[in-house]
C-alpha atoms as a PDB file:
ATOM      1  CA  MET A   1       5.551   8.957 -14.134  1.00  0.00           C
ATOM      2  CA  SER A   2       7.352   8.569 -17.109  1.00  0.00           C
ATOM      3  CA  GLU A   3       9.350   5.480 -17.930  1.00  0.00           C
ATOM      4  CA  ALA A   4      11.306   4.407 -14.786  1.00  0.00           C
ATOM      5  CA  PRO A   5      14.890   4.023 -15.013  1.00  0.00           C
ATOM      6  CA  LYS A   6      15.200   1.698 -11.841  1.00  0.00           C
ATOM      7  CA  ALA A   7      13.412  -1.478 -11.185  1.00  0.00           C
ATOM      8  CA  PHE A   8      12.556  -2.968  -7.712  1.00  0.00           C
ATOM      9  CA  PRO A   9      10.924  -6.081  -8.062  1.00  0.00           C
ATOM     10  CA  VAL A  10       9.588  -7.555  -4.928  1.00  0.00           C
ATOM     11  CA  SER A  11       8.923 -11.320  -4.262  1.00  0.00           C
ATOM     12  CA  TRP A  12       5.993 -12.684  -2.326  1.00  0.00           C
ATOM     13  CA  ASP A  13       8.336 -13.613   0.480  1.00  0.00           C
ATOM     14  CA  GLN A  14      10.016  -9.999   0.605  1.00  0.00           C
ATOM     15  CA  PHE A  15       6.529  -8.295   0.543  1.00  0.00           C
ATOM     16  CA  HIS A  16       5.125 -10.604   3.207  1.00  0.00           C
ATOM     17  CA  ARG A  17       8.300  -9.692   5.479  1.00  0.00           C
ATOM     18  CA  ASP A  18       7.507  -6.062   4.710  1.00  0.00           C
ATOM     19  CA  CYS A  19       3.989  -6.011   5.578  1.00  0.00           C
ATOM     20  CA  LYS A  20       4.785  -7.761   8.951  1.00  0.00           C
ATOM     21  CA  ALA A  21       7.336  -5.152   9.578  1.00  0.00           C
ATOM     22  CA  LEU A  22       4.442  -2.684   8.806  1.00  0.00           C
ATOM     23  CA  ALA A  23       1.988  -4.517  11.017  1.00  0.00           C
ATOM     24  CA  TRP A  24       4.890  -4.638  13.944  1.00  0.00           C
ATOM     25  CA  ARG A  25       5.449  -0.795  13.574  1.00  0.00           C
ATOM     26  CA  LEU A  26       1.691  -0.377  13.690  1.00  0.00           C
ATOM     27  CA  SER A  27       1.290  -2.337  16.925  1.00  0.00           C
ATOM     28  CA  GLY A  28       3.506   0.080  18.822  1.00  0.00           C
ATOM     29  CA  ILE A  29       1.669   3.219  17.308  1.00  0.00           C
ATOM     30  CA  SER A  30      -1.862   1.539  18.327  1.00  0.00           C
ATOM     31  CA  LYS A  31      -0.767   0.801  22.033  1.00  0.00           C
ATOM     32  CA  GLU A  32      -0.029   4.408  22.126  1.00  0.00           C
ATOM     33  CA  ASN A  33      -2.984   5.926  20.330  1.00  0.00           C
ATOM     34  CA  GLY A  34      -5.867   3.263  21.277  1.00  0.00           C
ATOM     35  CA  ASP A  35      -6.597   0.454  19.258  1.00  0.00           C
ATOM     36  CA  TRP A  36      -8.090   0.587  15.710  1.00  0.00           C
ATOM     37  CA  HIS A  37     -11.287  -1.255  15.122  1.00  0.00           C
ATOM     38  CA  THR A  38     -11.129  -1.160  11.197  1.00  0.00           C
ATOM     39  CA  ILE A  39      -9.240  -1.252   8.182  1.00  0.00           C
ATOM     40  CA  VAL A  40      -9.787   0.476   5.060  1.00  0.00           C
ATOM     41  CA  ALA A  41      -7.882  -1.105   2.301  1.00  0.00           C
ATOM     42  CA  ILE A  42      -7.212   0.981  -1.050  1.00  0.00           C
ATOM     43  CA  THR A  43      -7.639  -1.219  -3.846  1.00  0.00           C
ATOM     44  CA  ARG A  44      -6.475  -2.816  -5.462  1.00  0.00           C
ATOM     45  CA  GLY A  45      -2.620  -2.454  -3.877  1.00  0.00           C
ATOM     46  CA  GLY A  46      -3.887  -2.511  -0.229  1.00  0.00           C
ATOM     47  CA  LEU A  47      -5.728  -5.773  -0.301  1.00  0.00           C
ATOM     48  CA  VAL A  48      -2.825  -7.829   0.279  1.00  0.00           C
ATOM     49  CA  PRO A  49      -1.172  -5.976   2.853  1.00  0.00           C
ATOM     50  CA  ALA A  50      -4.648  -5.287   4.671  1.00  0.00           C
ATOM     51  CA  ALA A  51      -5.086  -9.054   5.279  1.00  0.00           C
ATOM     52  CA  ILE A  52      -1.593  -9.504   6.358  1.00  0.00           C
ATOM     53  CA  ILE A  53      -1.912  -6.721   8.845  1.00  0.00           C
ATOM     54  CA  ALA A  54      -5.364  -7.355   9.944  1.00  0.00           C
ATOM     55  CA  ARG A  55      -4.251 -10.986  10.820  1.00  0.00           C
ATOM     56  CA  GLU A  56      -1.297  -9.509  12.665  1.00  0.00           C
ATOM     57  CA  LEU A  57      -3.109  -6.898  14.604  1.00  0.00           C
ATOM     58  CA  GLY A  58      -6.276  -9.021  15.343  1.00  0.00           C
ATOM     59  CA  ILE A  59      -8.475  -6.727  13.293  1.00  0.00           C
ATOM     60  CA  ARG A  60     -11.593  -8.342  11.727  1.00  0.00           C
ATOM     61  CA  ASN A  61     -13.711  -5.690  10.212  1.00  0.00           C
ATOM     62  CA  ILE A  62     -12.151  -4.732   6.722  1.00  0.00           C
ATOM     63  CA  GLU A  63     -13.796  -2.044   4.307  1.00  0.00           C
ATOM     64  CA  THR A  64     -12.591  -1.020   1.253  1.00  0.00           C
ATOM     65  CA  VAL A  65     -12.266   2.080  -0.940  1.00  0.00           C
ATOM     66  CA  CYS A  66     -11.660   1.694  -4.687  1.00  0.00           C
ATOM     67  CA  ILE A  67      -9.684   4.518  -6.131  1.00  0.00           C
ATOM     68  CA  ALA A  68      -7.780   4.016  -9.490  1.00  0.00           C
ATOM     69  CA  SER A  69      -4.685   6.417 -10.285  1.00  0.00           C
ATOM     70  CA  TYR A  70      -2.826   4.249 -12.636  1.00  0.00           C
ATOM     71  CA  HIS A  71      -3.969   3.651 -15.979  1.00  0.00           C
ATOM     72  CA  GLU A  72      -2.506   1.078 -18.259  1.00  0.00           C
ATOM     73  CA  TYR A  73       0.363   0.486 -15.662  1.00  0.00           C
ATOM     74  CA  LYS A  74       2.104   3.454 -17.003  1.00  0.00           C
ATOM     75  CA  ASP A  75       1.402   6.597 -15.866  1.00  0.00           C
ATOM     76  CA  GLN A  76      -0.291   8.012 -12.653  1.00  0.00           C
ATOM     77  CA  GLY A  77      -3.421  10.092 -13.996  1.00  0.00           C
ATOM     78  CA  SER A  78      -6.380  11.478 -12.804  1.00  0.00           C
ATOM     79  CA  LEU A  79      -7.852   9.752  -9.470  1.00  0.00           C
ATOM     80  CA  GLU A  80     -11.265   8.048  -9.927  1.00  0.00           C
ATOM     81  CA  VAL A  81     -13.195   6.896  -6.969  1.00  0.00           C
ATOM     82  CA  ILE A  82     -14.985   3.832  -8.387  1.00  0.00           C
ATOM     83  CA  LYS A  83     -16.359   2.662  -4.861  1.00  0.00           C
ATOM     84  CA  GLY A  84     -16.420   4.905  -1.847  1.00  0.00           C
ATOM     85  CA  ILE A  85     -16.328   4.182   1.870  1.00  0.00           C
ATOM     86  CA  SER A  86     -19.459   3.043   3.467  1.00  0.00           C
ATOM     87  CA  ASP A  87     -21.841   5.573   5.388  1.00  0.00           C
ATOM     88  CA  GLU A  88     -21.038   3.767   8.563  1.00  0.00           C
ATOM     89  CA  ILE A  89     -17.112   4.227   8.102  1.00  0.00           C
ATOM     90  CA  SER A  90     -17.639   7.580   6.782  1.00  0.00           C
ATOM     91  CA  ALA A  91     -19.491   8.610   9.865  1.00  0.00           C
ATOM     92  CA  THR A  92     -16.281   8.153  12.161  1.00  0.00           C
ATOM     93  CA  LYS A  93     -14.445  10.635  10.346  1.00  0.00           C
ATOM     94  CA  GLY A  94     -11.669   7.934  10.596  1.00  0.00           C
ATOM     95  CA  LYS A  95     -11.508   7.892  14.244  1.00  0.00           C
ATOM     96  CA  GLY A  96     -10.259   4.084  14.984  1.00  0.00           C
ATOM     97  CA  ILE A  97      -9.481   3.409  11.407  1.00  0.00           C
ATOM     98  CA  LEU A  98      -6.295   2.332   9.993  1.00  0.00           C
ATOM     99  CA  VAL A  99      -5.914   3.039   6.113  1.00  0.00           C
ATOM    100  CA  ILE A 100      -3.691   0.425   4.281  1.00  0.00           C
ATOM    101  CA  ASP A 101      -2.211   0.705   0.706  1.00  0.00           C
ATOM    102  CA  ASP A 102       0.714  -0.779  -0.790  1.00  0.00           C
ATOM    103  CA  LEU A 103       2.766   2.415  -1.796  1.00  0.00           C
ATOM    104  CA  ALA A 104       2.599   6.124  -1.539  1.00  0.00           C
ATOM    105  CA  ASP A 105       3.836   7.355  -4.813  1.00  0.00           C
ATOM    106  CA  THR A 106       2.851  10.978  -5.423  1.00  0.00           C
ATOM    107  CA  GLY A 107       0.667  11.108  -2.327  1.00  0.00           C
ATOM    108  CA  LYS A 108      -2.526  11.863  -4.274  1.00  0.00           C
ATOM    109  CA  THR A 109      -4.448   8.853  -3.497  1.00  0.00           C
ATOM    110  CA  ALA A 110      -3.627   8.857   0.309  1.00  0.00           C
ATOM    111  CA  LEU A 111      -4.767  12.689   0.387  1.00  0.00           C
ATOM    112  CA  LYS A 112      -7.985  11.785  -1.207  1.00  0.00           C
ATOM    113  CA  VAL A 113      -8.778   9.254   1.700  1.00  0.00           C
ATOM    114  CA  ARG A 114      -7.492  11.780   4.193  1.00  0.00           C
ATOM    115  CA  GLU A 115     -10.401  14.011   2.896  1.00  0.00           C
ATOM    116  CA  LEU A 116     -12.908  11.176   3.192  1.00  0.00           C
ATOM    117  CA  LEU A 117     -11.359  10.025   6.889  1.00  0.00           C
ATOM    118  CA  PRO A 118      -9.336  12.925   8.237  1.00  0.00           C
ATOM    119  CA  GLN A 119      -8.827  11.296  11.595  1.00  0.00           C
ATOM    120  CA  SER A 120      -7.608   8.165  10.191  1.00  0.00           C
ATOM    121  CA  HIS A 121      -4.145   6.663  10.304  1.00  0.00           C
ATOM    122  CA  ILE A 122      -2.840   6.084   6.901  1.00  0.00           C
ATOM    123  CA  ALA A 123       0.163   3.308   6.639  1.00  0.00           C
ATOM    124  CA  THR A 124       1.765   2.154   3.273  1.00  0.00           C
ATOM    125  CA  VAL A 125       4.396  -0.655   2.975  1.00  0.00           C
ATOM    126  CA  TYR A 126       6.636   1.500   0.703  1.00  0.00           C
ATOM    127  CA  ALA A 127       6.481   5.263   0.010  1.00  0.00           C
ATOM    128  CA  LYS A 128       8.583   7.725  -2.393  1.00  0.00           C
ATOM    129  CA  PRO A 129       9.586  11.059  -1.310  1.00  0.00           C
ATOM    130  CA  THR A 130       6.675  12.813  -2.919  1.00  0.00           C
ATOM    131  CA  GLY A 131       4.212  10.567  -1.224  1.00  0.00           C
ATOM    132  CA  GLU A 132       5.730  10.208   2.051  1.00  0.00           C
ATOM    133  CA  ALA A 133       4.200  13.187   3.835  1.00  0.00           C
ATOM    134  CA  ALA A 134       0.613  11.772   2.892  1.00  0.00           C
ATOM    135  CA  THR A 135       1.393   8.743   5.125  1.00  0.00           C
ATOM    136  CA  ASP A 136       1.638   8.310   8.871  1.00  0.00           C
ATOM    137  CA  THR A 137       3.472   5.196   8.827  1.00  0.00           C
ATOM    138  CA  TYR A 138       5.627   3.307   6.150  1.00  0.00           C
ATOM    139  CA  VAL A 139       8.072   0.780   6.332  1.00  0.00           C
ATOM    140  CA  THR A 140      10.662   1.369   2.996  1.00  0.00           C
ATOM    141  CA  GLU A 141      11.166   4.527   1.256  1.00  0.00           C
ATOM    142  CA  VAL A 142      12.218   4.110  -2.682  1.00  0.00           C
ATOM    143  CA  SER A 143      13.629   6.781  -4.704  1.00  0.00           C
ATOM    144  CA  GLN A 144      10.932   8.551  -6.706  1.00  0.00           C
ATOM    145  CA  ASP A 145      12.486   7.484 -10.039  1.00  0.00           C
ATOM    146  CA  THR A 146      11.999   3.516  -9.182  1.00  0.00           C
ATOM    147  CA  TRP A 147       9.076   1.456 -10.225  1.00  0.00           C
ATOM    148  CA  ILE A 148       8.062  -1.044  -7.970  1.00  0.00           C
ATOM    149  CA  TYR A 149       7.070  -4.547  -9.479  1.00  0.00           C
ATOM    150  CA  PHE A 150       4.757  -6.110  -7.172  1.00  0.00           C
ATOM    151  CA  PRO A 151       4.480  -9.933  -6.857  1.00  0.00           C
ATOM    152  CA  TRP A 152       1.028  -9.995  -8.108  1.00  0.00           C
ATOM    153  CA  ASP A 153       2.268  -8.261 -11.339  1.00  0.00           C
ATOM    154  CA  MET A 154       5.094 -10.714 -12.182  1.00  0.00           C
ATOM    155  CA  GLU A 155       4.963 -14.306 -13.326  1.00  0.00           C
ATOM    156  CA  MET A 156       7.575 -17.070 -12.465  1.00  0.00           C
ATOM    157  CA  SER A 157       9.747 -17.925 -15.498  1.00  0.00           C
ATOM    158  CA  TYR A 158      12.942 -19.171 -16.538  1.00  0.00           C
ATOM    159  CA  VAL A 159      15.880 -16.766 -16.901  1.00  0.00           C
ATOM    160  CA  PRO A 160      18.993 -17.761 -18.587  1.00  0.00           C
ATOM    161  CA  PRO A 161      22.222 -17.603 -16.412  1.00  0.00           C
ATOM    162  CA  ILE A 162      24.338 -14.484 -16.506  1.00  0.00           C
ATOM    163  CA  SER A 163      27.203 -16.363 -18.407  1.00  0.00           C
ATOM    164  CA  GLY A 164      24.905 -17.126 -21.278  1.00  0.00           C
ATOM    165  CA  LYS A 165      25.952 -20.938 -21.082  1.00  0.00           C
ATOM    166  CA  GLU A 166      23.010 -23.300 -21.149  1.00  0.00           C
ATOM    167  CA  ASP A 167      23.381 -26.513 -19.538  1.00  0.00           C
ATOM    168  CA  GLY A 168      21.708 -29.239 -21.158  1.00  0.00           C
END
């Protein structure tokens, strides 16, 4: 992805609300299709939403798969599986497994996990049009040319007023 002309900063409060909205949506799907017994979080972005969703859905077993696709926080490059899925989880082929990530950008990461767990349910908080088809459930679609600034990527700092007039 080249330099994004649009920015979408997401606060901790907004991200928490969006994760709870995803959990609510997933709770309805779970009732229709049987309960999930395990969450697989795609690290690193899937860790925070996985924790929130695990709490909301009452799932205690959380596994990770570590896949790097963004390098230097600039462009999505080749996928690198840093840590695979345990043999125990792999043996399920994904049955009863809920895979969580923060974003489906191109869908490449989700498709890689789908190869590993073909029967899993993949859910993301946000999805871009190119990545949307690789997910089963998501909450918010953002345009392909938007860069999402997640709360863990930002710090709190003073911002001068729009008028430029400083009180003091």
